[in-house]
Amino acid sequence: MNYLFRTLAAFAVLLATAGGALAQGWPNRPIRMVVPYTPGGYTDLMARLVGQKISEALGQPVVFENKPGANAIIGTDVVAKAAPDGYTFGTVIAAHAANATLNPKLPYDTQKDFTYVSLMSVAPMIMIAHPSLPANNVQELIALAKAKPGTLNFASSGVGAAAHLTMEMFMSRSGIKMQHVPYKGTAGALQDTIGGQINVMFDVVGPTMPQVRSGHVKALVVTAKDRIPAASEVPTMAEQGVADFVAGSWAGLIAPAGTPKEIVDRISAEAKKALADPAMIAKLADQGIVAVGSTPEEFRAFVAEDIARWAKVIHDAGIKME
């Protein structure tokens, strides 16, 4: 029996030593960053900006893999199923929290199957419309939708995405109904809004304001408490008679559950350092994004709170995965 105990103790020491060796030798090859949306949107932007800084700090390439579909579930599941060896990370946004309620048959457990690394940023939404829409502000849109119930449509980057849920909140508050047209990412939704197939959509400021300033679309409102520098000409909901309406998205880094703590802490620290850089803060602010950079513990708590927040919206609106 003593021999058995000594053997088990020796094995435990061996595992601990191996884990330490892994952390010390890491990284010695490229790191994969899974982005569960198409290129060009908020998620992709944050992954590449912060991922590049992490790559420079670690001296290894960060390879970005865009795996869109099913409201980010496809790409996120790749992260959940990956080996927890510090060579796979992912970027998620508010849809990640919404999916916990929206899809009861998720192929992963939102709370248990991931290590939460860092909340990178938060971003308010902006509502844009095709120039031909006969509404130039929120009140005119509400009046138009009530005059033509069910005939207007809106796009989003997917069922349960922050853009979708924010519009559901808006429709509920204003007593209107519009038809939802979900896409697999921001790029397609924006393209069809510019083309006139879509009437209105919510999205983060970055991809949309260049189109607003070029005249391809028009901006109706931002969902921030106060006007934001990146879209200073666009009024808030409160300014247009819709009180207490503040909403937005966020982007954060995740890893498979079981990823060594020393690796997670290092990635979190490098992300926080990158997001504290004045140049990065200014670059993101220009696109209506607020840099954050959090600890793993803070990010996990944030996600838990967001799951509860969106659960109410989903239940109240009766939203189901299509």
Foldseek 3Di string as FASTA:
>chain_A
DVVVVVVVVVVVVVVVVVLVVLLVPPPPAEAEEEEQFDPDAPQNVLCVLLQVLLCVVRVYHYHYHHRWDLLSLRRVVCQLPDDLSLRYKYKDKLLLLQCCQQPVPRPDHSQAFKQFQKFWWWFWKWKKFAPVPPDQADVRVLVVQVVPAAPAEEEDLFFSPQFVLLVLVVCVQSVGDYHYDYHRGDPVRVVVRLVVVHGMTMGGQQVPPVCCVVNSIHIHEIQAPAAAPLCNVHHHVVVVPRPPRHGTMTMGMMGTPPNDPSSSQSSLVSSQVSLPDPVNQVVQSNRRMGTDRDGSVVRSVVSVVSSVVSSVSCVVSVGHHD
